[in-house]
Structure formats: structure tokens, C-alpha cells
């Protein structure tokens, strides 16, 4: 969802070093209350509905927390999207890190976190 809203891939090595990893950039912008800076400027619809788009970004961030016990259940996400339930604030912006590129890990290798790291126990 974050890639669609921002109009870019999670890892974009064509950008300056501080902007390569979208998730790291997302954490930084969230920390300073600047999530709207990341919204794809070429999308008129997103620009017209900025408040809803920023709320969707916050929902995605809720799902990306490092501490899997703080991530919402799918039923909770559905209720938030339906407007039946409000989203809790996310005080800690520690998100699951971006995947390392082949260049940062070593030639010919890649980093893939385990499934248990990504989803964690419920």
C-alpha cells in the first residue's frame, strides 16, 4: 500500500542514499508529522483526498511495526477500513526494516528475513 501511495518502490537505488529505502524515509517523515510529503504528487486523486491517504499510510505503518504483537489483526484492519472502528495512534515508529539490496549484503547474495520475523506470532 505504501508503494502505491508514494508512487515508488520500497528500494530505489536511483535516488540519493538517504531516500533509497522507502520504509526508512516513511519512519523519518512520520516522526516529524510530514507523511503527506511522501504522497505521489502525480496522482490528482490522492492530492484531493490527502487526509484519507495519510490515514491509509498510518494504517499501513500499524501493520509494519517491528513488534508483531502490536500489529493489528486482519479483522481489525477491515473494521478500520469500513469506518466501524478508529485506528489507535502509533506512538513508536519502529517499523520492519527495508530489505537490503544485493550491493549492501555482498555480491550475489540477498537478504530474506524468515517468515516468523515478518509475521511474528499472534
PDB file of N, CA and C in Angstrom:
ATOM      1  N   UNK A   1       0.828  -1.178   0.000  1.00  0.00           N
ATOM      2  CA  UNK A   1       0.000   0.000   0.000  1.00  0.00           C
ATOM      3  C   UNK A   1       0.882   1.256   0.000  1.00  0.00           C
ATOM      4  N   UNK A   2       1.964   1.240   0.779  1.00  0.00           N
ATOM      5  CA  UNK A   2       2.851   2.403   0.859  1.00  0.00           C
ATOM      6  C   UNK A   2       3.471   2.700  -0.503  1.00  0.00           C
ATOM      7  N   UNK A   3       3.871   1.658  -1.232  1.00  0.00           N
ATOM      8  CA  UNK A   3       4.465   1.873  -2.554  1.00  0.00           C
ATOM      9  C   UNK A   3       3.475   2.544  -3.505  1.00  0.00           C
ATOM     10  N   UNK A   4       2.223   2.156  -3.445  1.00  0.00           N
ATOM     11  CA  UNK A   4       1.198   2.748  -4.315  1.00  0.00           C
ATOM     12  C   UNK A   4       0.974   4.209  -3.945  1.00  0.00           C
ATOM     13  N   UNK A   5       0.828   4.479  -2.665  1.00  0.00           N
ATOM     14  CA  UNK A   5       0.581   5.850  -2.214  1.00  0.00           C
ATOM     15  C   UNK A   5       1.754   6.764  -2.560  1.00  0.00           C
ATOM     16  N   UNK A   6       2.969   6.256  -2.404  1.00  0.00           N
ATOM     17  CA  UNK A   6       4.158   7.079  -2.641  1.00  0.00           C
ATOM     18  C   UNK A   6       4.582   7.095  -4.108  1.00  0.00           C
ATOM     19  N   UNK A   7       4.038   6.184  -4.903  1.00  0.00           N
ATOM     20  CA  UNK A   7       4.375   6.151  -6.324  1.00  0.00           C
ATOM     21  C   UNK A   7       5.802   5.728  -6.598  1.00  0.00           C
ATOM     22  N   UNK A   8       6.330   4.841  -5.761  1.00  0.00           N
ATOM     23  CA  UNK A   8       7.701   4.352  -5.952  1.00  0.00           C
ATOM     24  C   UNK A   8       7.855   2.999  -5.275  1.00  0.00           C
ATOM     25  N   UNK A   9       8.938   2.321  -5.598  1.00  0.00           N
ATOM     26  CA  UNK A   9       9.219   1.023  -4.989  1.00  0.00           C
ATOM     27  C   UNK A   9       9.883   1.206  -3.627  1.00  0.00           C
ATOM     28  N   UNK A  10       9.837   0.162  -2.819  1.00  0.00           N
ATOM     29  CA  UNK A  10      10.436   0.191  -1.489  1.00  0.00           C
ATOM     30  C   UNK A  10      11.934   0.481  -1.558  1.00  0.00           C
ATOM     31  N   UNK A  11      12.608  -0.077  -2.532  1.00  0.00           N
ATOM     32  CA  UNK A  11      14.045   0.097  -2.690  1.00  0.00           C
ATOM     33  C   UNK A  11      14.297   0.718  -4.054  1.00  0.00           C
ATOM     34  N   UNK A  12      14.790   1.954  -4.082  1.00  0.00           N
ATOM     35  CA  UNK A  12      15.057   2.660  -5.337  1.00  0.00           C
ATOM     36  C   UNK A  12      16.466   3.225  -5.289  1.00  0.00           C
ATOM     37  N   UNK A  13      17.407   2.470  -5.858  1.00  0.00           N
ATOM     38  CA  UNK A  13      18.814   2.852  -5.808  1.00  0.00           C
ATOM     39  C   UNK A  13      19.161   4.013  -6.730  1.00  0.00           C
ATOM     40  N   UNK A  14      18.204   4.495  -7.521  1.00  0.00           N
ATOM     41  CA  UNK A  14      18.464   5.654  -8.377  1.00  0.00           C
ATOM     42  C   UNK A  14      18.339   6.963  -7.593  1.00  0.00           C
ATOM     43  N   UNK A  15      17.839   6.890  -6.373  1.00  0.00           N
ATOM     44  CA  UNK A  15      17.651   8.074  -5.530  1.00  0.00           C
ATOM     45  C   UNK A  15      18.882   8.314  -4.660  1.00  0.00           C
ATOM     46  N   UNK A  16      19.000   9.528  -4.092  1.00  0.00           N
ATOM     47  CA  UNK A  16      20.103   9.785  -3.154  1.00  0.00           C
ATOM     48  C   UNK A  16      20.066   8.783  -2.001  1.00  0.00           C
ATOM     49  N   UNK A  17      21.215   8.512  -1.424  1.00  0.00           N
ATOM     50  CA  UNK A  17      21.351   7.464  -0.406  1.00  0.00           C
ATOM     51  C   UNK A  17      20.335   7.568   0.726  1.00  0.00           C
ATOM     52  N   UNK A  18      20.033   8.769   1.185  1.00  0.00           N
ATOM     53  CA  UNK A  18      19.100   8.933   2.306  1.00  0.00           C
ATOM     54  C   UNK A  18      17.651   8.639   1.923  1.00  0.00           C
ATOM     55  N   UNK A  19      17.367   8.493   0.623  1.00  0.00           N
ATOM     56  CA  UNK A  19      15.999   8.230   0.160  1.00  0.00           C
ATOM     57  C   UNK A  19      15.830   6.862  -0.497  1.00  0.00           C
ATOM     58  N   UNK A  20      16.864   6.041  -0.501  1.00  0.00           N
ATOM     59  CA  UNK A  20      16.813   4.741  -1.186  1.00  0.00           C
ATOM     60  C   UNK A  20      15.734   3.837  -0.592  1.00  0.00           C
ATOM     61  N   UNK A  21      15.689   3.733   0.728  1.00  0.00           N
ATOM     62  CA  UNK A  21      14.762   2.822   1.406  1.00  0.00           C
ATOM     63  C   UNK A  21      13.490   3.562   1.806  1.00  0.00           C
ATOM     64  N   UNK A  22      12.381   3.202   1.197  1.00  0.00           N
ATOM     65  CA  UNK A  22      11.108   3.873   1.441  1.00  0.00           C
ATOM     66  C   UNK A  22      10.657   3.750   2.895  1.00  0.00           C
ATOM     67  N   UNK A  23      10.833   2.591   3.497  1.00  0.00           N
ATOM     68  CA  UNK A  23      10.374   2.391   4.873  1.00  0.00           C
ATOM     69  C   UNK A  23      11.151   3.288   5.841  1.00  0.00           C
ATOM     70  N   UNK A  24      12.446   3.435   5.626  1.00  0.00           N
ATOM     71  CA  UNK A  24      13.244   4.333   6.471  1.00  0.00           C
ATOM     72  C   UNK A  24      12.778   5.769   6.315  1.00  0.00           C
ATOM     73  N   UNK A  25      12.501   6.153   5.089  1.00  0.00           N
ATOM     74  CA  UNK A  25      12.008   7.500   4.811  1.00  0.00           C
ATOM     75  C   UNK A  25      10.631   7.705   5.446  1.00  0.00           C
ATOM     76  N   UNK A  26       9.795   6.679   5.381  1.00  0.00           N
ATOM     77  CA  UNK A  26       8.469   6.721   5.994  1.00  0.00           C
ATOM     78  C   UNK A  26       8.577   6.953   7.503  1.00  0.00           C
ATOM     79  N   UNK A  27       9.486   6.232   8.154  1.00  0.00           N
ATOM     80  CA  UNK A  27       9.696   6.407   9.593  1.00  0.00           C
ATOM     81  C   UNK A  27      10.094   7.842   9.913  1.00  0.00           C
ATOM     82  N   UNK A  28      11.021   8.378   9.140  1.00  0.00           N
ATOM     83  CA  UNK A  28      11.504   9.739   9.380  1.00  0.00           C
ATOM     84  C   UNK A  28      10.381  10.763   9.202  1.00  0.00           C
ATOM     85  N   UNK A  29       9.625  10.637   8.121  1.00  0.00           N
ATOM     86  CA  UNK A  29       8.532  11.583   7.864  1.00  0.00           C
ATOM     87  C   UNK A  29       7.447  11.461   8.933  1.00  0.00           C
ATOM     88  N   UNK A  30       7.167  10.249   9.389  1.00  0.00           N
ATOM     89  CA  UNK A  30       6.161  10.050  10.437  1.00  0.00           C
ATOM     90  C   UNK A  30       6.606  10.706  11.735  1.00  0.00           C
ATOM     91  N   UNK A  31       7.863  10.576  12.040  1.00  0.00           N
ATOM     92  CA  UNK A  31       8.410  11.147  13.273  1.00  0.00           C
ATOM     93  C   UNK A  31       8.207  12.661  13.322  1.00  0.00           C
ATOM     94  N   UNK A  32       8.264  13.310  12.154  1.00  0.00           N
ATOM     95  CA  UNK A  32       8.138  14.766  12.087  1.00  0.00           C
ATOM     96  C   UNK A  32       6.773  15.230  11.591  1.00  0.00           C
ATOM     97  N   UNK A  33       5.807  14.301  11.484  1.00  0.00           N
ATOM     98  CA  UNK A  33       4.461  14.664  11.055  1.00  0.00           C
ATOM     99  C   UNK A  33       4.390  15.147   9.617  1.00  0.00           C
ATOM    100  N   UNK A  34       5.223  14.564   8.751  1.00  0.00           N
ATOM    101  CA  UNK A  34       5.308  15.002   7.357  1.00  0.00           C
ATOM    102  C   UNK A  34       4.957  13.890   6.367  1.00  0.00           C
ATOM    103  N   UNK A  35       4.039  13.010   6.730  1.00  0.00           N
ATOM    104  CA  UNK A  35       3.685  11.897   5.847  1.00  0.00           C
ATOM    105  C   UNK A  35       3.184  12.373   4.489  1.00  0.00           C
ATOM    106  N   UNK A  36       2.492  13.487   4.460  1.00  0.00           N
ATOM    107  CA  UNK A  36       1.950  13.982   3.187  1.00  0.00           C
ATOM    108  C   UNK A  36       3.050  14.312   2.184  1.00  0.00           C
ATOM    109  N   UNK A  37       4.276  14.540   2.652  1.00  0.00           N
ATOM    110  CA  UNK A  37       5.402  14.803   1.746  1.00  0.00           C
ATOM    111  C   UNK A  37       5.706  13.603   0.856  1.00  0.00           C
ATOM    112  N   UNK A  38       5.339  12.405   1.298  1.00  0.00           N
ATOM    113  CA  UNK A  38       5.651  11.186   0.551  1.00  0.00           C
ATOM    114  C   UNK A  38       4.587  10.808  -0.475  1.00  0.00           C
ATOM    115  N   UNK A  39       3.434  11.444  -0.426  1.00  0.00           N
ATOM    116  CA  UNK A  39       2.330  11.091  -1.325  1.00  0.00           C
ATOM    117  C   UNK A  39       2.710  11.433  -2.761  1.00  0.00           C
ATOM    118  N   UNK A  40       2.430  10.504  -3.664  1.00  0.00           N
ATOM    119  CA  UNK A  40       2.740  10.655  -5.087  1.00  0.00           C
ATOM    120  C   UNK A  40       2.104  11.934  -5.628  1.00  0.00           C
ATOM    121  N   UNK A  41       2.931  12.888  -6.009  1.00  0.00           N
ATOM    122  CA  UNK A  41       2.423  14.185  -6.480  1.00  0.00           C
ATOM    123  C   UNK A  41       1.796  14.099  -7.867  1.00  0.00           C
ATOM    124  N   UNK A  42       2.035  13.007  -8.582  1.00  0.00           N
ATOM    125  CA  UNK A  42       1.447  12.874  -9.921  1.00  0.00           C
ATOM    126  C   UNK A  42       0.009  12.349  -9.874  1.00  0.00           C
ATOM    127  N   UNK A  43      -0.467  11.984  -8.685  1.00  0.00           N
ATOM    128  CA  UNK A  43      -1.832  11.478  -8.539  1.00  0.00           C
ATOM    129  C   UNK A  43      -2.749  12.585  -8.026  1.00  0.00           C
ATOM    130  N   UNK A  44      -3.583  13.097  -8.905  1.00  0.00           N
ATOM    131  CA  UNK A  44      -4.524  14.150  -8.514  1.00  0.00           C
ATOM    132  C   UNK A  44      -5.510  13.662  -7.457  1.00  0.00           C
ATOM    133  N   UNK A  45      -5.981  12.421  -7.593  1.00  0.00           N
ATOM    134  CA  UNK A  45      -6.948  11.874  -6.637  1.00  0.00           C
ATOM    135  C   UNK A  45      -6.385  11.851  -5.220  1.00  0.00           C
ATOM    136  N   UNK A  46      -5.133  11.438  -5.094  1.00  0.00           N
ATOM    137  CA  UNK A  46      -4.543  11.382  -3.755  1.00  0.00           C
ATOM    138  C   UNK A  46      -4.374  12.788  -3.189  1.00  0.00           C
ATOM    139  N   UNK A  47      -4.045  13.725  -4.044  1.00  0.00           N
ATOM    140  CA  UNK A  47      -3.913  15.107  -3.603  1.00  0.00           C
ATOM    141  C   UNK A  47      -5.230  15.684  -3.116  1.00  0.00           C
ATOM    142  N   UNK A  48      -6.320  15.286  -3.761  1.00  0.00           N
ATOM    143  CA  UNK A  48      -7.644  15.779  -3.375  1.00  0.00           C
ATOM    144  C   UNK A  48      -8.151  15.164  -2.071  1.00  0.00           C
ATOM    145  N   UNK A  49      -7.634  13.997  -1.739  1.00  0.00           N
ATOM    146  CA  UNK A  49      -8.091  13.261  -0.552  1.00  0.00           C
ATOM    147  C   UNK A  49      -6.923  13.008   0.408  1.00  0.00           C
ATOM    148  N   UNK A  50      -6.119  14.022   0.624  1.00  0.00           N
ATOM    149  CA  UNK A  50      -4.880  13.880   1.391  1.00  0.00           C
ATOM    150  C   UNK A  50      -5.107  13.321   2.796  1.00  0.00           C
ATOM    151  N   UNK A  51      -6.144  13.753   3.475  1.00  0.00           N
ATOM    152  CA  UNK A  51      -6.389  13.280   4.839  1.00  0.00           C
ATOM    153  C   UNK A  51      -6.638  11.769   4.858  1.00  0.00           C
ATOM    154  N   UNK A  52      -7.423  11.281   3.916  1.00  0.00           N
ATOM    155  CA  UNK A  52      -7.713   9.847   3.829  1.00  0.00           C
ATOM    156  C   UNK A  52      -6.446   9.077   3.463  1.00  0.00           C
ATOM    157  N   UNK A  53      -5.652   9.633   2.561  1.00  0.00           N
ATOM    158  CA  UNK A  53      -4.411   8.983   2.135  1.00  0.00           C
ATOM    159  C   UNK A  53      -3.432   8.878   3.307  1.00  0.00           C
ATOM    160  N   UNK A  54      -3.293   9.937   4.068  1.00  0.00           N
ATOM    161  CA  UNK A  54      -2.395   9.913   5.228  1.00  0.00           C
ATOM    162  C   UNK A  54      -2.893   8.899   6.259  1.00  0.00           C
ATOM    163  N   UNK A  55      -4.201   8.794   6.448  1.00  0.00           N
ATOM    164  CA  UNK A  55      -4.750   7.780   7.363  1.00  0.00           C
ATOM    165  C   UNK A  55      -4.437   6.370   6.857  1.00  0.00           C
ATOM    166  N   UNK A  56      -4.496   6.169   5.539  1.00  0.00           N
ATOM    167  CA  UNK A  56      -4.146   4.863   4.969  1.00  0.00           C
ATOM    168  C   UNK A  56      -2.667   4.559   5.208  1.00  0.00           C
ATOM    169  N   UNK A  57      -1.825   5.581   5.121  1.00  0.00           N
ATOM    170  CA  UNK A  57      -0.398   5.396   5.401  1.00  0.00           C
ATOM    171  C   UNK A  57      -0.189   4.996   6.865  1.00  0.00           C
ATOM    172  N   UNK A  58      -0.923   5.618   7.756  1.00  0.00           N
ATOM    173  CA  UNK A  58      -0.812   5.281   9.181  1.00  0.00           C
ATOM    174  C   UNK A  58      -1.277   3.850   9.440  1.00  0.00           C
ATOM    175  N   UNK A  59      -2.327   3.436   8.734  1.00  0.00           N
ATOM    176  CA  UNK A  59      -2.809   2.061   8.867  1.00  0.00           C
ATOM    177  C   UNK A  59      -1.735   1.083   8.388  1.00  0.00           C
ATOM    178  N   UNK A  60      -1.102   1.402   7.267  1.00  0.00           N
ATOM    179  CA  UNK A  60      -0.028   0.550   6.758  1.00  0.00           C
ATOM    180  C   UNK A  60       1.136   0.501   7.744  1.00  0.00           C
ATOM    181  N   UNK A  61       1.450   1.642   8.349  1.00  0.00           N
ATOM    182  CA  UNK A  61       2.530   1.675   9.339  1.00  0.00           C
ATOM    183  C   UNK A  61       2.193   0.811  10.552  1.00  0.00           C
ATOM    184  N   UNK A  62       0.933   0.801  10.937  1.00  0.00           N
ATOM    185  CA  UNK A  62       0.487  -0.026  12.055  1.00  0.00           C
ATOM    186  C   UNK A  62       0.797  -1.496  11.758  1.00  0.00           C
ATOM    187  N   UNK A  63       0.677  -1.878  10.503  1.00  0.00           N
ATOM    188  CA  UNK A  63       0.919  -3.261  10.086  1.00  0.00           C
ATOM    189  C   UNK A  63       2.409  -3.579   9.938  1.00  0.00           C
ATOM    190  N   UNK A  64       3.245  -2.552   9.858  1.00  0.00           N
ATOM    191  CA  UNK A  64       4.676  -2.737   9.628  1.00  0.00           C
ATOM    192  C   UNK A  64       5.526  -2.647  10.896  1.00  0.00           C
ATOM    193  N   UNK A  65       4.904  -2.599  12.052  1.00  0.00           N
ATOM    194  CA  UNK A  65       5.671  -2.454  13.288  1.00  0.00           C
ATOM    195  C   UNK A  65       6.578  -3.653  13.536  1.00  0.00           C
ATOM    196  N   UNK A  66       7.762  -3.393  14.058  1.00  0.00           N
ATOM    197  CA  UNK A  66       8.719  -4.452  14.365  1.00  0.00           C
ATOM    198  C   UNK A  66       8.142  -5.417  15.393  1.00  0.00           C
ATOM    199  N   UNK A  67       7.507  -4.891  16.416  1.00  0.00           N
ATOM    200  CA  UNK A  67       6.907  -5.723  17.464  1.00  0.00           C
ATOM    201  C   UNK A  67       5.603  -6.308  16.924  1.00  0.00           C
ATOM    202  N   UNK A  68       5.659  -7.572  16.529  1.00  0.00           N
ATOM    203  CA  UNK A  68       4.498  -8.202  15.891  1.00  0.00           C
ATOM    204  C   UNK A  68       3.263  -8.230  16.793  1.00  0.00           C
ATOM    205  N   UNK A  69       3.453  -8.179  18.094  1.00  0.00           N
ATOM    206  CA  UNK A  69       2.298  -8.195  18.996  1.00  0.00           C
ATOM    207  C   UNK A  69       1.519  -6.878  18.942  1.00  0.00           C
ATOM    208  N   UNK A  70       2.115  -5.836  18.383  1.00  0.00           N
ATOM    209  CA  UNK A  70       1.447  -4.537  18.277  1.00  0.00           C
ATOM    210  C   UNK A  70       0.766  -4.349  16.924  1.00  0.00           C
ATOM    211  N   UNK A  71       0.949  -5.301  16.020  1.00  0.00           N
ATOM    212  CA  UNK A  71       0.298  -5.209  14.710  1.00  0.00           C
ATOM    213  C   UNK A  71      -1.169  -5.605  14.835  1.00  0.00           C
ATOM    214  N   UNK A  72      -2.040  -4.996  14.027  1.00  0.00           N
ATOM    215  CA  UNK A  72      -3.469  -5.318  14.116  1.00  0.00           C
ATOM    216  C   UNK A  72      -3.809  -6.650  13.451  1.00  0.00           C
ATOM    217  N   UNK A  73      -4.895  -7.237  13.895  1.00  0.00           N
ATOM    218  CA  UNK A  73      -5.446  -8.420  13.239  1.00  0.00           C
ATOM    219  C   UNK A  73      -6.121  -7.975  11.946  1.00  0.00           C
ATOM    220  N   UNK A  74      -6.275  -8.874  10.995  1.00  0.00           N
ATOM    221  CA  UNK A  74      -6.948  -8.533   9.736  1.00  0.00           C
ATOM    222  C   UNK A  74      -8.381  -8.082   9.989  1.00  0.00           C
ATOM    223  N   UNK A  75      -9.039  -8.670  10.972  1.00  0.00           N
ATOM    224  CA  UNK A  75     -10.410  -8.256  11.288  1.00  0.00           C
ATOM    225  C   UNK A  75     -10.436  -6.807  11.773  1.00  0.00           C
ATOM    226  N   UNK A  76      -9.418  -6.406  12.503  1.00  0.00           N
ATOM    227  CA  UNK A  76      -9.317  -5.020  12.965  1.00  0.00           C
ATOM    228  C   UNK A  76      -9.084  -4.086  11.787  1.00  0.00           C
ATOM    229  N   UNK A  77      -8.221  -4.482  10.874  1.00  0.00           N
ATOM    230  CA  UNK A  77      -7.952  -3.670   9.679  1.00  0.00           C
ATOM    231  C   UNK A  77      -9.237  -3.480   8.885  1.00  0.00           C
ATOM    232  N   UNK A  78      -9.993  -4.564   8.715  1.00  0.00           N
ATOM    233  CA  UNK A  78     -11.257  -4.476   7.973  1.00  0.00           C
ATOM    234  C   UNK A  78     -12.214  -3.501   8.646  1.00  0.00           C
ATOM    235  N   UNK A  79     -12.304  -3.550   9.968  1.00  0.00           N
ATOM    236  CA  UNK A  79     -13.198  -2.638  10.695  1.00  0.00           C
ATOM    237  C   UNK A  79     -12.754  -1.186  10.540  1.00  0.00           C
ATOM    238  N   UNK A  80     -11.450  -0.946  10.557  1.00  0.00           N
ATOM    239  CA  UNK A  80     -10.938   0.420  10.368  1.00  0.00           C
ATOM    240  C   UNK A  80     -11.277   0.903   8.964  1.00  0.00           C
ATOM    241  N   UNK A  81     -11.063   0.048   7.966  1.00  0.00           N
ATOM    242  CA  UNK A  81     -11.353   0.432   6.579  1.00  0.00           C
ATOM    243  C   UNK A  81     -12.844   0.676   6.353  1.00  0.00           C
ATOM    244  N   UNK A  82     -13.688  -0.067   7.065  1.00  0.00           N
ATOM    245  CA  UNK A  82     -15.143   0.116   6.954  1.00  0.00           C
ATOM    246  C   UNK A  82     -15.633   1.322   7.749  1.00  0.00           C
ATOM    247  N   UNK A  83     -14.777   1.889   8.587  1.00  0.00           N
ATOM    248  CA  UNK A  83     -15.157   3.042   9.396  1.00  0.00           C
ATOM    249  C   UNK A  83     -15.885   2.683  10.673  1.00  0.00           C
ATOM    250  N   UNK A  84     -15.941   1.393  10.994  1.00  0.00           N
ATOM    251  CA  UNK A  84     -16.623   0.917  12.191  1.00  0.00           C
ATOM    252  C   UNK A  84     -15.757   1.140  13.432  1.00  0.00           C
ATOM    253  N   UNK A  85     -14.460   1.167  13.233  1.00  0.00           N
ATOM    254  CA  UNK A  85     -13.519   1.275  14.340  1.00  0.00           C
ATOM    255  C   UNK A  85     -12.478   2.332  13.993  1.00  0.00           C
ATOM    256  N   UNK A  86     -12.037   3.085  14.997  1.00  0.00           N
ATOM    257  CA  UNK A  86     -10.988   4.069  14.734  1.00  0.00           C
ATOM    258  C   UNK A  86      -9.627   3.427  14.969  1.00  0.00           C
ATOM    259  N   UNK A  87      -8.650   3.989  14.318  1.00  0.00           N
ATOM    260  CA  UNK A  87      -7.302   3.456  14.416  1.00  0.00           C
ATOM    261  C   UNK A  87      -6.610   4.056  15.632  1.00  0.00           C
ATOM    262  N   UNK A  88      -5.916   3.211  16.384  1.00  0.00           N
ATOM    263  CA  UNK A  88      -5.173   3.724  17.526  1.00  0.00           C
ATOM    264  C   UNK A  88      -3.923   4.443  17.032  1.00  0.00           C
ATOM    265  N   UNK A  89      -3.467   5.383  17.817  1.00  0.00           N
ATOM    266  CA  UNK A  89      -2.239   6.090  17.467  1.00  0.00           C
ATOM    267  C   UNK A  89      -1.063   5.124  17.564  1.00  0.00           C
ATOM    268  N   UNK A  90      -0.074   5.351  16.752  1.00  0.00           N
ATOM    269  CA  UNK A  90       1.121   4.523  16.760  1.00  0.00           C
ATOM    270  C   UNK A  90       2.247   5.370  17.349  1.00  0.00           C
ATOM    271  N   UNK A  91       2.452   5.287  18.669  1.00  0.00           N
ATOM    272  CA  UNK A  91       3.456   6.150  19.287  1.00  0.00           C
ATOM    273  C   UNK A  91       4.878   5.817  18.875  1.00  0.00           C
ATOM    274  N   UNK A  92       5.168   4.551  18.628  1.00  0.00           N
ATOM    275  CA  UNK A  92       6.513   4.124  18.269  1.00  0.00           C
ATOM    276  C   UNK A  92       6.565   3.896  16.770  1.00  0.00           C
ATOM    277  N   UNK A  93       7.421   4.613  16.082  1.00  0.00           N
ATOM    278  CA  UNK A  93       7.525   4.482  14.630  1.00  0.00           C
ATOM    279  C   UNK A  93       8.636   3.524  14.233  1.00  0.00           C
ATOM    280  N   UNK A  94       8.858   2.461  15.008  1.00  0.00           N
ATOM    281  CA  UNK A  94       9.868   1.473  14.666  1.00  0.00           C
ATOM    282  C   UNK A  94       9.219   0.434  13.769  1.00  0.00           C
ATOM    283  N   UNK A  95       9.564   0.490  12.494  1.00  0.00           N
ATOM    284  CA  UNK A  95       8.936  -0.374  11.509  1.00  0.00           C
ATOM    285  C   UNK A  95       9.875  -1.479  11.075  1.00  0.00           C
ATOM    286  N   UNK A  96       9.298  -2.517  10.470  1.00  0.00           N
ATOM    287  CA  UNK A  96      10.088  -3.594   9.897  1.00  0.00           C
ATOM    288  C   UNK A  96      11.033  -2.956   8.894  1.00  0.00           C
ATOM    289  N   UNK A  97      12.334  -3.261   8.959  1.00  0.00           N
ATOM    290  CA  UNK A  97      13.292  -2.608   8.068  1.00  0.00           C
ATOM    291  C   UNK A  97      13.105  -3.013   6.616  1.00  0.00           C
ATOM    292  N   UNK A  98      13.574  -2.138   5.730  1.00  0.00           N
ATOM    293  CA  UNK A  98      13.572  -2.444   4.304  1.00  0.00           C
ATOM    294  C   UNK A  98      14.508  -3.614   4.070  1.00  0.00           C
ATOM    295  N   UNK A  99      14.272  -4.352   3.022  1.00  0.00           N
ATOM    296  CA  UNK A  99      15.178  -5.433   2.669  1.00  0.00           C
ATOM    297  C   UNK A  99      16.457  -4.840   2.126  1.00  0.00           C
ATOM    298  N   UNK A 100      17.574  -5.446   2.474  1.00  0.00           N
ATOM    299  CA  UNK A 100      18.865  -4.967   1.975  1.00  0.00           C
ATOM    300  C   UNK A 100      18.996  -5.303   0.504  1.00  0.00           C
ATOM    301  N   UNK A 101      19.666  -4.442  -0.220  1.00  0.00           N
ATOM    302  CA  UNK A 101      19.902  -4.703  -1.639  1.00  0.00           C
ATOM    303  C   UNK A 101      21.056  -5.680  -1.772  1.00  0.00           C
ATOM    304  N   UNK A 102      21.213  -6.262  -2.934  1.00  0.00           N
ATOM    305  CA  UNK A 102      22.320  -7.178  -3.174  1.00  0.00           C
ATOM    306  C   UNK A 102      23.658  -6.497  -2.958  1.00  0.00           C
ATOM    307  N   UNK A 103      23.754  -5.219  -3.280  1.00  0.00           N
ATOM    308  CA  UNK A 103      25.008  -4.498  -3.135  1.00  0.00           C
ATOM    309  C   UNK A 103      25.401  -4.313  -1.675  1.00  0.00           C
ATOM    310  N   UNK A 104      24.441  -4.196  -0.785  1.00  0.00           N
ATOM    311  CA  UNK A 104      24.773  -3.950   0.612  1.00  0.00           C
ATOM    312  C   UNK A 104      25.068  -5.231   1.375  1.00  0.00           C
ATOM    313  N   UNK A 105      24.610  -6.352   0.882  1.00  0.00           N
ATOM    314  CA  UNK A 105      24.836  -7.613   1.581  1.00  0.00           C
ATOM    315  C   UNK A 105      26.084  -8.299   1.071  1.00  0.00           C
ATOM    316  N   UNK A 106      26.348  -8.196  -0.198  1.00  0.00           N
ATOM    317  CA  UNK A 106      27.503  -8.831  -0.798  1.00  0.00           C
ATOM    318  C   UNK A 106      27.160  -9.324  -2.179  1.00  0.00           C
ATOM    319  N   UNK A 107      28.158  -9.441  -3.012  1.00  0.00           N
ATOM    320  CA  UNK A 107      27.936  -9.823  -4.402  1.00  0.00           C
ATOM    321  C   UNK A 107      27.260 -11.183  -4.482  1.00  0.00           C
ATOM    322  N   UNK A 108      26.173 -11.238  -5.219  1.00  0.00           N
ATOM    323  CA  UNK A 108      25.486 -12.486  -5.472  1.00  0.00           C
ATOM    324  C   UNK A 108      24.619 -12.990  -4.336  1.00  0.00           C
ATOM    325  N   UNK A 109      24.573 -12.291  -3.233  1.00  0.00           N
ATOM    326  CA  UNK A 109      23.741 -12.754  -2.129  1.00  0.00           C
ATOM    327  C   UNK A 109      22.572 -11.811  -1.936  1.00  0.00           C
ATOM    328  N   UNK A 110      21.591 -12.269  -1.212  1.00  0.00           N
ATOM    329  CA  UNK A 110      20.466 -11.399  -0.897  1.00  0.00           C
ATOM    330  C   UNK A 110      19.991 -11.720   0.507  1.00  0.00           C
ATOM    331  N   UNK A 111      19.331 -10.784   1.111  1.00  0.00           N
ATOM    332  CA  UNK A 111      18.834 -10.947   2.474  1.00  0.00           C
ATOM    333  C   UNK A 111      17.338 -11.142   2.424  1.00  0.00           C
ATOM    334  N   UNK A 112      16.872 -12.261   2.956  1.00  0.00           N
ATOM    335  CA  UNK A 112      15.445 -12.509   3.073  1.00  0.00           C
ATOM    336  C   UNK A 112      15.159 -12.902   4.509  1.00  0.00           C
ATOM    337  N   UNK A 113      14.435 -12.057   5.233  1.00  0.00           N
ATOM    338  CA  UNK A 113      14.120 -12.407   6.614  1.00  0.00           C
ATOM    339  C   UNK A 113      13.193 -13.614   6.673  1.00  0.00           C
ATOM    340  N   UNK A 114      13.244 -14.327   7.777  1.00  0.00           N
ATOM    341  CA  UNK A 114      12.394 -15.503   7.920  1.00  0.00           C
ATOM    342  C   UNK A 114      10.928 -15.098   7.996  1.00  0.00           C
ATOM    343  N   UNK A 115      10.060 -16.038   7.664  1.00  0.00           N
ATOM    344  CA  UNK A 115       8.625 -15.776   7.720  1.00  0.00           C
ATOM    345  C   UNK A 115       8.190 -15.425   9.134  1.00  0.00           C
ATOM    346  N   UNK A 116       8.804 -16.056  10.124  1.00  0.00           N
ATOM    347  CA  UNK A 116       8.427 -15.764  11.508  1.00  0.00           C
ATOM    348  C   UNK A 116       8.812 -14.342  11.891  1.00  0.00           C
ATOM    349  N   UNK A 117       9.894 -13.823  11.324  1.00  0.00           N
ATOM    350  CA  UNK A 117      10.292 -12.441  11.598  1.00  0.00           C
ATOM    351  C   UNK A 117       9.278 -11.481  10.993  1.00  0.00           C
ATOM    352  N   UNK A 118       8.820 -11.784   9.792  1.00  0.00           N
ATOM    353  CA  UNK A 118       7.886 -10.897   9.111  1.00  0.00           C
ATOM    354  C   UNK A 118       6.510 -10.898   9.750  1.00  0.00           C
ATOM    355  N   UNK A 119       5.993 -12.065  10.078  1.00  0.00           N
ATOM    356  CA  UNK A 119       4.623 -12.114  10.583  1.00  0.00           C
ATOM    357  C   UNK A 119       4.545 -12.214  12.100  1.00  0.00           C
ATOM    358  N   UNK A 120       5.500 -12.861  12.696  1.00  0.00           N
ATOM    359  CA  UNK A 120       5.509 -12.984  14.151  1.00  0.00           C
ATOM    360  C   UNK A 120       4.331 -13.781  14.667  1.00  0.00           C
ATOM    361  N   UNK A 121       4.402 -14.201  15.907  1.00  0.00           N
ATOM    362  CA  UNK A 121       3.300 -14.968  16.499  1.00  0.00           C
ATOM    363  C   UNK A 121       2.122 -14.076  16.826  1.00  0.00           C
ATOM    364  N   UNK A 122       0.947 -14.640  16.904  1.00  0.00           N
ATOM    365  CA  UNK A 122      -0.272 -13.890  17.268  1.00  0.00           C
ATOM    366  C   UNK A 122      -0.731 -14.319  18.625  1.00  0.00           C
TER     367      UNK A 122
END
